[in-house]
Amino acid sequence: MSFLAVDSQKSLFILQRNQLQFEQTLVMNEANWVSKEMGYYANEVGEDADLDNDAYYIGLQQTEEYLESRQDTLDSQIQLLDNEISSLKTMVNNNIKNSCGLNLIGS
């Protein structure tokens, strides 16, 4: 029956992965907005503007860098959970097969 506990752990990891994927979608949406805002702002201030010294534009760049970093972190966490889920799935399947094999031998 220990495979039920392992299966429950697998379900918890799946729930955590789904939450991270949702957060990843939110981060991607915000990153897309920041990227578009940077483009709109650059067009609005014109080609002659010095965006390297523009506080608003610099803030957008920093936000974009943070969101890219957050995206990389989420990708890593999701990959780790996927690996754990796969491992637990294999463990559950093997435990079920072993349990069924033992029941057949004991009958």
PDB file of N, CA and C in Angstrom:
ATOM      1  N   MET A   1       0.800  -1.205   0.000  1.00  0.00           N
ATOM      2  CA  MET A   1       0.000   0.000   0.000  1.00  0.00           C
ATOM      3  C   MET A   1       0.844   1.272   0.000  1.00  0.00           C
ATOM      4  N   SER A   2       2.158   1.101   0.113  1.00  0.00           N
ATOM      5  CA  SER A   2       3.010   2.298   0.112  1.00  0.00           C
ATOM      6  C   SER A   2       2.935   3.041  -1.217  1.00  0.00           C
ATOM      7  N   PHE A   3       2.536   2.330  -2.266  1.00  0.00           N
ATOM      8  CA  PHE A   3       2.430   2.999  -3.563  1.00  0.00           C
ATOM      9  C   PHE A   3       1.329   4.058  -3.564  1.00  0.00           C
ATOM     10  N   LEU A   4       0.352   3.938  -2.658  1.00  0.00           N
ATOM     11  CA  LEU A   4      -0.676   4.971  -2.557  1.00  0.00           C
ATOM     12  C   LEU A   4      -0.085   6.277  -2.026  1.00  0.00           C
ATOM     13  N   ALA A   5       0.830   6.162  -1.078  1.00  0.00           N
ATOM     14  CA  ALA A   5       1.496   7.362  -0.554  1.00  0.00           C
ATOM     15  C   ALA A   5       2.369   7.987  -1.628  1.00  0.00           C
ATOM     16  N   VAL A   6       3.058   7.166  -2.394  1.00  0.00           N
ATOM     17  CA  VAL A   6       3.908   7.670  -3.477  1.00  0.00           C
ATOM     18  C   VAL A   6       3.043   8.316  -4.554  1.00  0.00           C
ATOM     19  N   ASP A   7       1.910   7.709  -4.844  1.00  0.00           N
ATOM     20  CA  ASP A   7       0.996   8.275  -5.835  1.00  0.00           C
ATOM     21  C   ASP A   7       0.433   9.620  -5.353  1.00  0.00           C
ATOM     22  N   SER A   8       0.171   9.720  -4.063  1.00  0.00           N
ATOM     23  CA  SER A   8      -0.300  10.993  -3.503  1.00  0.00           C
ATOM     24  C   SER A   8       0.778  12.065  -3.631  1.00  0.00           C
ATOM     25  N   GLN A   9       2.024  11.687  -3.405  1.00  0.00           N
ATOM     26  CA  GLN A   9       3.136  12.622  -3.557  1.00  0.00           C
ATOM     27  C   GLN A   9       3.248  13.069  -5.014  1.00  0.00           C
ATOM     28  N   LYS A  10       3.053  12.138  -5.929  1.00  0.00           N
ATOM     29  CA  LYS A  10       3.089  12.466  -7.353  1.00  0.00           C
ATOM     30  C   LYS A  10       1.989  13.468  -7.690  1.00  0.00           C
ATOM     31  N   SER A  11       0.820  13.258  -7.144  1.00  0.00           N
ATOM     32  CA  SER A  11      -0.303  14.180  -7.380  1.00  0.00           C
ATOM     33  C   SER A  11       0.001  15.575  -6.837  1.00  0.00           C
ATOM     34  N   LEU A  12       0.655  15.633  -5.689  1.00  0.00           N
ATOM     35  CA  LEU A  12       1.045  16.917  -5.116  1.00  0.00           C
ATOM     36  C   LEU A  12       2.044  17.631  -6.026  1.00  0.00           C
ATOM     37  N   PHE A  13       3.006  16.894  -6.551  1.00  0.00           N
ATOM     38  CA  PHE A  13       3.976  17.484  -7.472  1.00  0.00           C
ATOM     39  C   PHE A  13       3.300  17.985  -8.750  1.00  0.00           C
ATOM     40  N   ILE A  14       2.317  17.250  -9.223  1.00  0.00           N
ATOM     41  CA  ILE A  14       1.580  17.682 -10.417  1.00  0.00           C
ATOM     42  C   ILE A  14       0.843  18.985 -10.130  1.00  0.00           C
ATOM     43  N   LEU A  15       0.249  19.080  -8.965  1.00  0.00           N
ATOM     44  CA  LEU A  15      -0.434  20.309  -8.563  1.00  0.00           C
ATOM     45  C   LEU A  15       0.549  21.482  -8.486  1.00  0.00           C
ATOM     46  N   GLN A  16       1.716  21.235  -7.902  1.00  0.00           N
ATOM     47  CA  GLN A  16       2.743  22.279  -7.817  1.00  0.00           C
ATOM     48  C   GLN A  16       3.221  22.698  -9.205  1.00  0.00           C
ATOM     49  N   ARG A  17       3.409  21.730 -10.087  1.00  0.00           N
ATOM     50  CA  ARG A  17       3.839  22.035 -11.455  1.00  0.00           C
ATOM     51  C   ARG A  17       2.787  22.880 -12.166  1.00  0.00           C
ATOM     52  N   ASN A  18       1.522  22.538 -11.996  1.00  0.00           N
ATOM     53  CA  ASN A  18       0.454  23.306 -12.630  1.00  0.00           C
ATOM     54  C   ASN A  18       0.429  24.744 -12.121  1.00  0.00           C
ATOM     55  N   GLN A  19       0.674  24.920 -10.828  1.00  0.00           N
ATOM     56  CA  GLN A  19       0.723  26.263 -10.263  1.00  0.00           C
ATOM     57  C   GLN A  19       1.888  27.049 -10.854  1.00  0.00           C
ATOM     58  N   LEU A  20       3.040  26.407 -11.003  1.00  0.00           N
ATOM     59  CA  LEU A  20       4.199  27.067 -11.595  1.00  0.00           C
ATOM     60  C   LEU A  20       3.946  27.403 -13.066  1.00  0.00           C
ATOM     61  N   GLN A  21       3.270  26.537 -13.770  1.00  0.00           N
ATOM     62  CA  GLN A  21       2.949  26.816 -15.169  1.00  0.00           C
ATOM     63  C   GLN A  21       1.997  28.000 -15.284  1.00  0.00           C
ATOM     64  N   PHE A  22       1.069  28.119 -14.340  1.00  0.00           N
ATOM     65  CA  PHE A  22       0.178  29.268 -14.326  1.00  0.00           C
ATOM     66  C   PHE A  22       0.973  30.549 -14.073  1.00  0.00           C
ATOM     67  N   GLU A  23       1.862  30.487 -13.085  1.00  0.00           N
ATOM     68  CA  GLU A  23       2.715  31.644 -12.798  1.00  0.00           C
ATOM     69  C   GLU A  23       3.583  31.987 -14.010  1.00  0.00           C
ATOM     70  N   GLN A  24       4.060  30.971 -14.695  1.00  0.00           N
ATOM     71  CA  GLN A  24       4.873  31.173 -15.896  1.00  0.00           C
ATOM     72  C   GLN A  24       4.078  31.915 -16.966  1.00  0.00           C
ATOM     73  N   THR A  25       2.822  31.583 -17.117  1.00  0.00           N
ATOM     74  CA  THR A  25       1.966  32.269 -18.081  1.00  0.00           C
ATOM     75  C   THR A  25       1.805  33.740 -17.699  1.00  0.00           C
ATOM     76  N   LEU A  26       1.610  34.002 -16.419  1.00  0.00           N
ATOM     77  CA  LEU A  26       1.489  35.380 -15.959  1.00  0.00           C
ATOM     78  C   LEU A  26       2.771  36.171 -16.220  1.00  0.00           C
ATOM     79  N   VAL A  27       3.910  35.556 -15.950  1.00  0.00           N
ATOM     80  CA  VAL A  27       5.197  36.214 -16.170  1.00  0.00           C
ATOM     81  C   VAL A  27       5.405  36.487 -17.663  1.00  0.00           C
ATOM     82  N   MET A  28       5.048  35.527 -18.499  1.00  0.00           N
ATOM     83  CA  MET A  28       5.187  35.715 -19.947  1.00  0.00           C
ATOM     84  C   MET A  28       4.298  36.858 -20.438  1.00  0.00           C
ATOM     85  N   ASN A  29       3.080  36.933 -19.925  1.00  0.00           N
ATOM     86  CA  ASN A  29       2.172  38.013 -20.313  1.00  0.00           C
ATOM     87  C   ASN A  29       2.729  39.370 -19.893  1.00  0.00           C
ATOM     88  N   GLU A  30       3.253  39.435 -18.687  1.00  0.00           N
ATOM     89  CA  GLU A  30       3.825  40.700 -18.220  1.00  0.00           C
ATOM     90  C   GLU A  30       5.064  41.072 -19.028  1.00  0.00           C
ATOM     91  N   ALA A  31       5.888  40.088 -19.348  1.00  0.00           N
ATOM     92  CA  ALA A  31       7.085  40.347 -20.158  1.00  0.00           C
ATOM     93  C   ALA A  31       6.705  40.855 -21.546  1.00  0.00           C
ATOM     94  N   ASN A  32       5.663  40.282 -22.119  1.00  0.00           N
ATOM     95  CA  ASN A  32       5.190  40.750 -23.425  1.00  0.00           C
ATOM     96  C   ASN A  32       4.700  42.187 -23.340  1.00  0.00           C
ATOM     97  N   TRP A  33       3.980  42.514 -22.271  1.00  0.00           N
ATOM     98  CA  TRP A  33       3.495  43.878 -22.098  1.00  0.00           C
ATOM     99  C   TRP A  33       4.666  44.856 -21.970  1.00  0.00           C
ATOM    100  N   VAL A  34       5.675  44.493 -21.168  1.00  0.00           N
ATOM    101  CA  VAL A  34       6.833  45.365 -20.963  1.00  0.00           C
ATOM    102  C   VAL A  34       7.570  45.577 -22.287  1.00  0.00           C
ATOM    103  N   SER A  35       7.724  44.522 -23.039  1.00  0.00           N
ATOM    104  CA  SER A  35       8.404  44.631 -24.333  1.00  0.00           C
ATOM    105  C   SER A  35       7.650  45.570 -25.275  1.00  0.00           C
ATOM    106  N   LYS A  36       6.337  45.414 -25.328  1.00  0.00           N
ATOM    107  CA  LYS A  36       5.529  46.296 -26.178  1.00  0.00           C
ATOM    108  C   LYS A  36       5.588  47.733 -25.676  1.00  0.00           C
ATOM    109  N   GLU A  37       5.528  47.911 -24.371  1.00  0.00           N
ATOM    110  CA  GLU A  37       5.593  49.260 -23.791  1.00  0.00           C
ATOM    111  C   GLU A  37       6.922  49.934 -24.124  1.00  0.00           C
ATOM    112  N   MET A  38       8.001  49.165 -24.101  1.00  0.00           N
ATOM    113  CA  MET A  38       9.310  49.720 -24.459  1.00  0.00           C
ATOM    114  C   MET A  38       9.300  50.222 -25.903  1.00  0.00           C
ATOM    115  N   GLY A  39       8.712  49.428 -26.792  1.00  0.00           N
ATOM    116  CA  GLY A  39       8.617  49.826 -28.191  1.00  0.00           C
ATOM    117  C   GLY A  39       7.748  51.053 -28.390  1.00  0.00           C
ATOM    118  N   TYR A  40       6.596  51.057 -27.752  1.00  0.00           N
ATOM    119  CA  TYR A  40       5.695  52.210 -27.860  1.00  0.00           C
ATOM    120  C   TYR A  40       6.353  53.471 -27.307  1.00  0.00           C
ATOM    121  N   TYR A  41       6.998  53.325 -26.172  1.00  0.00           N
ATOM    122  CA  TYR A  41       7.626  54.482 -25.537  1.00  0.00           C
ATOM    123  C   TYR A  41       8.765  55.022 -26.405  1.00  0.00           C
ATOM    124  N   ALA A  42       9.570  54.124 -26.959  1.00  0.00           N
ATOM    125  CA  ALA A  42      10.669  54.552 -27.828  1.00  0.00           C
ATOM    126  C   ALA A  42      10.129  55.312 -29.033  1.00  0.00           C
ATOM    127  N   ASN A  43       9.023  54.830 -29.596  1.00  0.00           N
ATOM    128  CA  ASN A  43       8.411  55.528 -30.731  1.00  0.00           C
ATOM    129  C   ASN A  43       7.834  56.873 -30.305  1.00  0.00           C
ATOM    130  N   GLU A  44       7.272  56.917 -29.118  1.00  0.00           N
ATOM    131  CA  GLU A  44       6.637  58.139 -28.633  1.00  0.00           C
ATOM    132  C   GLU A  44       7.650  59.265 -28.402  1.00  0.00           C
ATOM    133  N   VAL A  45       8.784  58.920 -27.803  1.00  0.00           N
ATOM    134  CA  VAL A  45       9.777  59.956 -27.503  1.00  0.00           C
ATOM    135  C   VAL A  45      10.616  60.314 -28.727  1.00  0.00           C
ATOM    136  N   GLY A  46      10.602  59.468 -29.732  1.00  0.00           N
ATOM    137  CA  GLY A  46      11.294  59.767 -30.970  1.00  0.00           C
ATOM    138  C   GLY A  46      12.701  59.211 -31.027  1.00  0.00           C
ATOM    139  N   GLU A  47      13.261  59.246 -32.231  1.00  0.00           N
ATOM    140  CA  GLU A  47      14.584  58.672 -32.486  1.00  0.00           C
ATOM    141  C   GLU A  47      15.709  59.473 -31.838  1.00  0.00           C
ATOM    142  N   ASP A  48      15.492  60.756 -31.621  1.00  0.00           N
ATOM    143  CA  ASP A  48      16.545  61.603 -31.075  1.00  0.00           C
ATOM    144  C   ASP A  48      16.667  61.508 -29.558  1.00  0.00           C
ATOM    145  N   ALA A  49      15.739  60.850 -28.925  1.00  0.00           N
ATOM    146  CA  ALA A  49      15.745  60.761 -27.468  1.00  0.00           C
ATOM    147  C   ALA A  49      16.880  59.856 -26.990  1.00  0.00           C
ATOM    148  N   ASP A  50      17.424  60.201 -25.847  1.00  0.00           N
ATOM    149  CA  ASP A  50      18.495  59.409 -25.227  1.00  0.00           C
ATOM    150  C   ASP A  50      17.866  58.434 -24.230  1.00  0.00           C
ATOM    151  N   LEU A  51      17.500  57.254 -24.723  1.00  0.00           N
ATOM    152  CA  LEU A  51      16.818  56.266 -23.881  1.00  0.00           C
ATOM    153  C   LEU A  51      17.748  55.676 -22.824  1.00  0.00           C
ATOM    154  N   ASP A  52      19.060  55.763 -23.038  1.00  0.00           N
ATOM    155  CA  ASP A  52      20.005  55.228 -22.054  1.00  0.00           C
ATOM    156  C   ASP A  52      19.972  56.016 -20.752  1.00  0.00           C
ATOM    157  N   ASN A  53      19.473  57.235 -20.793  1.00  0.00           N
ATOM    158  CA  ASN A  53      19.386  58.066 -19.591  1.00  0.00           C
ATOM    159  C   ASN A  53      17.946  58.355 -19.195  1.00  0.00           C
ATOM    160  N   ASP A  54      17.003  57.696 -19.827  1.00  0.00           N
ATOM    161  CA  ASP A  54      15.587  57.905 -19.541  1.00  0.00           C
ATOM    162  C   ASP A  54      15.163  56.957 -18.414  1.00  0.00           C
ATOM    163  N   ALA A  55      14.733  57.523 -17.286  1.00  0.00           N
ATOM    164  CA  ALA A  55      14.412  56.728 -16.096  1.00  0.00           C
ATOM    165  C   ALA A  55      13.293  55.720 -16.359  1.00  0.00           C
ATOM    166  N   TYR A  56      12.257  56.140 -17.072  1.00  0.00           N
ATOM    167  CA  TYR A  56      11.139  55.240 -17.340  1.00  0.00           C
ATOM    168  C   TYR A  56      11.594  54.059 -18.210  1.00  0.00           C
ATOM    169  N   TYR A  57      12.357  54.343 -19.241  1.00  0.00           N
ATOM    170  CA  TYR A  57      12.826  53.295 -20.145  1.00  0.00           C
ATOM    171  C   TYR A  57      13.788  52.350 -19.420  1.00  0.00           C
ATOM    172  N   ILE A  58      14.645  52.912 -18.593  1.00  0.00           N
ATOM    173  CA  ILE A  58      15.582  52.084 -17.816  1.00  0.00           C
ATOM    174  C   ILE A  58      14.802  51.165 -16.875  1.00  0.00           C
ATOM    175  N   GLY A  59      13.749  51.705 -16.263  1.00  0.00           N
ATOM    176  CA  GLY A  59      12.899  50.881 -15.392  1.00  0.00           C
ATOM    177  C   GLY A  59      12.262  49.735 -16.150  1.00  0.00           C
ATOM    178  N   LEU A  60      11.807  50.016 -17.365  1.00  0.00           N
ATOM    179  CA  LEU A  60      11.224  48.951 -18.192  1.00  0.00           C
ATOM    180  C   LEU A  60      12.272  47.889 -18.533  1.00  0.00           C
ATOM    181  N   GLN A  61      13.480  48.319 -18.843  1.00  0.00           N
ATOM    182  CA  GLN A  61      14.551  47.365 -19.159  1.00  0.00           C
ATOM    183  C   GLN A  61      14.858  46.476 -17.955  1.00  0.00           C
ATOM    184  N   GLN A  62      14.925  47.089 -16.782  1.00  0.00           N
ATOM    185  CA  GLN A  62      15.200  46.312 -15.573  1.00  0.00           C
ATOM    186  C   GLN A  62      14.069  45.326 -15.272  1.00  0.00           C
ATOM    187  N   THR A  63      12.852  45.765 -15.488  1.00  0.00           N
ATOM    188  CA  THR A  63      11.708  44.869 -15.295  1.00  0.00           C
ATOM    189  C   THR A  63      11.769  43.705 -16.279  1.00  0.00           C
ATOM    190  N   GLU A  64      12.116  44.007 -17.515  1.00  0.00           N
ATOM    191  CA  GLU A  64      12.234  42.960 -18.525  1.00  0.00           C
ATOM    192  C   GLU A  64      13.317  41.952 -18.150  1.00  0.00           C
ATOM    193  N   GLU A  65      14.445  42.436 -17.671  1.00  0.00           N
ATOM    194  CA  GLU A  65      15.531  41.539 -17.254  1.00  0.00           C
ATOM    195  C   GLU A  65      15.092  40.653 -16.084  1.00  0.00           C
ATOM    196  N   TYR A  66      14.402  41.253 -15.127  1.00  0.00           N
ATOM    197  CA  TYR A  66      13.904  40.476 -13.988  1.00  0.00           C
ATOM    198  C   TYR A  66      12.932  39.396 -14.457  1.00  0.00           C
ATOM    199  N   LEU A  67      12.020  39.761 -15.341  1.00  0.00           N
ATOM    200  CA  LEU A  67      11.022  38.799 -15.818  1.00  0.00           C
ATOM    201  C   LEU A  67      11.679  37.667 -16.603  1.00  0.00           C
ATOM    202  N   GLU A  68      12.714  37.969 -17.370  1.00  0.00           N
ATOM    203  CA  GLU A  68      13.440  36.921 -18.087  1.00  0.00           C
ATOM    204  C   GLU A  68      14.128  35.974 -17.108  1.00  0.00           C
ATOM    205  N   SER A  69      14.698  36.546 -16.049  1.00  0.00           N
ATOM    206  CA  SER A  69      15.336  35.731 -15.021  1.00  0.00           C
ATOM    207  C   SER A  69      14.304  34.861 -14.302  1.00  0.00           C
ATOM    208  N   ARG A  70      13.165  35.442 -13.997  1.00  0.00           N
ATOM    209  CA  ARG A  70      12.084  34.695 -13.330  1.00  0.00           C
ATOM    210  C   ARG A  70      11.587  33.566 -14.231  1.00  0.00           C
ATOM    211  N   GLN A  71      11.495  33.844 -15.513  1.00  0.00           N
ATOM    212  CA  GLN A  71      11.068  32.834 -16.480  1.00  0.00           C
ATOM    213  C   GLN A  71      12.044  31.654 -16.492  1.00  0.00           C
ATOM    214  N   ASP A  72      13.334  31.940 -16.476  1.00  0.00           N
ATOM    215  CA  ASP A  72      14.350  30.880 -16.444  1.00  0.00           C
ATOM    216  C   ASP A  72      14.226  30.044 -15.169  1.00  0.00           C
ATOM    217  N   THR A  73      13.994  30.724 -14.049  1.00  0.00           N
ATOM    218  CA  THR A  73      13.833  30.016 -12.784  1.00  0.00           C
ATOM    219  C   THR A  73      12.611  29.102 -12.816  1.00  0.00           C
ATOM    220  N   LEU A  74      11.511  29.617 -13.329  1.00  0.00           N
ATOM    221  CA  LEU A  74      10.292  28.803 -13.423  1.00  0.00           C
ATOM    222  C   LEU A  74      10.499  27.614 -14.349  1.00  0.00           C
ATOM    223  N   ASP A  75      11.186  27.822 -15.462  1.00  0.00           N
ATOM    224  CA  ASP A  75      11.484  26.718 -16.378  1.00  0.00           C
ATOM    225  C   ASP A  75      12.259  25.619 -15.664  1.00  0.00           C
ATOM    226  N   SER A  76      13.259  26.011 -14.873  1.00  0.00           N
ATOM    227  CA  SER A  76      14.068  25.040 -14.133  1.00  0.00           C
ATOM    228  C   SER A  76      13.232  24.280 -13.109  1.00  0.00           C
ATOM    229  N   GLN A  77      12.397  25.010 -12.378  1.00  0.00           N
ATOM    230  CA  GLN A  77      11.560  24.366 -11.365  1.00  0.00           C
ATOM    231  C   GLN A  77      10.564  23.402 -12.002  1.00  0.00           C
ATOM    232  N   ILE A  78       9.990  23.795 -13.107  1.00  0.00           N
ATOM    233  CA  ILE A  78       9.031  22.928 -13.800  1.00  0.00           C
ATOM    234  C   ILE A  78       9.732  21.671 -14.304  1.00  0.00           C
ATOM    235  N   GLN A  79      10.936  21.824 -14.839  1.00  0.00           N
ATOM    236  CA  GLN A  79      11.687  20.660 -15.328  1.00  0.00           C
ATOM    237  C   GLN A  79      12.009  19.705 -14.180  1.00  0.00           C
ATOM    238  N   LEU A  80      12.406  20.249 -13.039  1.00  0.00           N
ATOM    239  CA  LEU A  80      12.692  19.393 -11.881  1.00  0.00           C
ATOM    240  C   LEU A  80      11.444  18.636 -11.429  1.00  0.00           C
ATOM    241  N   LEU A  81      10.316  19.321 -11.384  1.00  0.00           N
ATOM    242  CA  LEU A  81       9.079  18.649 -10.998  1.00  0.00           C
ATOM    243  C   LEU A  81       8.675  17.593 -12.025  1.00  0.00           C
ATOM    244  N   ASP A  82       8.863  17.882 -13.302  1.00  0.00           N
ATOM    245  CA  ASP A  82       8.567  16.890 -14.339  1.00  0.00           C
ATOM    246  C   ASP A  82       9.407  15.633 -14.135  1.00  0.00           C
ATOM    247  N   ASN A  83      10.684  15.821 -13.798  1.00  0.00           N
ATOM    248  CA  ASN A  83      11.565  14.668 -13.551  1.00  0.00           C
ATOM    249  C   ASN A  83      11.094  13.870 -12.335  1.00  0.00           C
ATOM    250  N   GLU A  84      10.716  14.580 -11.263  1.00  0.00           N
ATOM    251  CA  GLU A  84      10.217  13.900 -10.063  1.00  0.00           C
ATOM    252  C   GLU A  84       8.918  13.148 -10.349  1.00  0.00           C
ATOM    253  N   ILE A  85       8.025  13.780 -11.092  1.00  0.00           N
ATOM    254  CA  ILE A  85       6.745  13.156 -11.429  1.00  0.00           C
ATOM    255  C   ILE A  85       6.981  11.885 -12.230  1.00  0.00           C
ATOM    256  N   SER A  86       7.867  11.969 -13.189  1.00  0.00           N
ATOM    257  CA  SER A  86       8.180  10.793 -14.002  1.00  0.00           C
ATOM    258  C   SER A  86       8.768   9.670 -13.150  1.00  0.00           C
ATOM    259  N   SER A  87       9.663  10.033 -12.262  1.00  0.00           N
ATOM    260  CA  SER A  87      10.284   9.048 -11.380  1.00  0.00           C
ATOM    261  C   SER A  87       9.246   8.398 -10.456  1.00  0.00           C
ATOM    262  N   LEU A  88       8.373   9.224  -9.886  1.00  0.00           N
ATOM    263  CA  LEU A  88       7.345   8.679  -8.995  1.00  0.00           C
ATOM    264  C   LEU A  88       6.343   7.820  -9.763  1.00  0.00           C
ATOM    265  N   LYS A  89       6.037   8.215 -10.978  1.00  0.00           N
ATOM    266  CA  LYS A  89       5.119   7.421 -11.797  1.00  0.00           C
ATOM    267  C   LYS A  89       5.708   6.037 -12.043  1.00  0.00           C
ATOM    268  N   THR A  90       6.978   5.988 -12.358  1.00  0.00           N
ATOM    269  CA  THR A  90       7.655   4.705 -12.574  1.00  0.00           C
ATOM    270  C   THR A  90       7.648   3.880 -11.293  1.00  0.00           C
ATOM    271  N   MET A  91       7.902   4.550 -10.157  1.00  0.00           N
ATOM    272  CA  MET A  91       7.926   3.843  -8.880  1.00  0.00           C
ATOM    273  C   MET A  91       6.547   3.271  -8.550  1.00  0.00           C
ATOM    274  N   VAL A  92       5.505   4.033  -8.774  1.00  0.00           N
ATOM    275  CA  VAL A  92       4.143   3.553  -8.510  1.00  0.00           C
ATOM    276  C   VAL A  92       3.828   2.355  -9.399  1.00  0.00           C
ATOM    277  N   ASN A  93       4.127   2.468 -10.674  1.00  0.00           N
ATOM    278  CA  ASN A  93       3.851   1.364 -11.604  1.00  0.00           C
ATOM    279  C   ASN A  93       4.611   0.101 -11.205  1.00  0.00           C
ATOM    280  N   ASN A  94       5.874   0.266 -10.815  1.00  0.00           N
ATOM    281  CA  ASN A  94       6.657  -0.898 -10.395  1.00  0.00           C
ATOM    282  C   ASN A  94       6.110  -1.507  -9.114  1.00  0.00           C
ATOM    283  N   ASN A  95       5.683  -0.672  -8.169  1.00  0.00           N
ATOM    284  CA  ASN A  95       5.114  -1.192  -6.923  1.00  0.00           C
ATOM    285  C   ASN A  95       3.808  -1.934  -7.174  1.00  0.00           C
ATOM    286  N   ILE A  96       2.995  -1.428  -8.075  1.00  0.00           N
ATOM    287  CA  ILE A  96       1.736  -2.103  -8.410  1.00  0.00           C
ATOM    288  C   ILE A  96       2.025  -3.452  -9.058  1.00  0.00           C
ATOM    289  N   LYS A  97       2.980  -3.479  -9.985  1.00  0.00           N
ATOM    290  CA  LYS A  97       3.337  -4.745 -10.650  1.00  0.00           C
ATOM    291  C   LYS A  97       3.867  -5.746  -9.638  1.00  0.00           C
ATOM    292  N   ASN A  98       4.733  -5.279  -8.730  1.00  0.00           N
ATOM    293  CA  ASN A  98       5.283  -6.177  -7.710  1.00  0.00           C
ATOM    294  C   ASN A  98       4.194  -6.699  -6.783  1.00  0.00           C
ATOM    295  N   SER A  99       3.288  -5.815  -6.410  1.00  0.00           N
ATOM    296  CA  SER A  99       2.189  -6.203  -5.525  1.00  0.00           C
ATOM    297  C   SER A  99       1.300  -7.241  -6.196  1.00  0.00           C
ATOM    298  N   CYS A 100       0.999  -7.019  -7.450  1.00  0.00           N
ATOM    299  CA  CYS A 100       0.160  -7.982  -8.191  1.00  0.00           C
ATOM    300  C   CYS A 100       0.893  -9.301  -8.345  1.00  0.00           C
ATOM    301  N   GLY A 101       2.187  -9.240  -8.591  1.00  0.00           N
ATOM    302  CA  GLY A 101       2.991 -10.468  -8.716  1.00  0.00           C
ATOM    303  C   GLY A 101       3.021 -11.245  -7.429  1.00  0.00           C
ATOM    304  N   LEU A 102       3.162 -10.557  -6.312  1.00  0.00           N
ATOM    305  CA  LEU A 102       3.166 -11.231  -5.016  1.00  0.00           C
ATOM    306  C   LEU A 102       1.808 -11.850  -4.707  1.00  0.00           C
ATOM    307  N   ASN A 103       0.738 -11.180  -5.077  1.00  0.00           N
ATOM    308  CA  ASN A 103      -0.601 -11.736  -4.857  1.00  0.00           C
ATOM    309  C   ASN A 103      -0.812 -12.991  -5.682  1.00  0.00           C
ATOM    310  N   LEU A 104      -0.300 -12.999  -6.907  1.00  0.00           N
ATOM    311  CA  LEU A 104      -0.448 -14.199  -7.736  1.00  0.00           C
ATOM    312  C   LEU A 104       0.357 -15.360  -7.184  1.00  0.00           C
ATOM    313  N   ILE A 105       1.554 -15.077  -6.669  1.00  0.00           N
ATOM    314  CA  ILE A 105       2.401 -16.123  -6.104  1.00  0.00           C
ATOM    315  C   ILE A 105       1.776 -16.675  -4.817  1.00  0.00           C
ATOM    316  N   GLY A 106       1.197 -15.780  -4.013  1.00  0.00           N
ATOM    317  CA  GLY A 106       0.622 -16.201  -2.724  1.00  0.00           C
ATOM    318  C   GLY A 106      -0.706 -16.930  -2.859  1.00  0.00           C
ATOM    319  N   SER A 107      -1.328 -16.864  -4.014  1.00  0.00           N
ATOM    320  CA  SER A 107      -2.655 -17.480  -4.157  1.00  0.00           C
ATOM    321  C   SER A 107      -2.608 -18.958  -4.269  1.00  0.00           C
TER     322      SER A 107
END
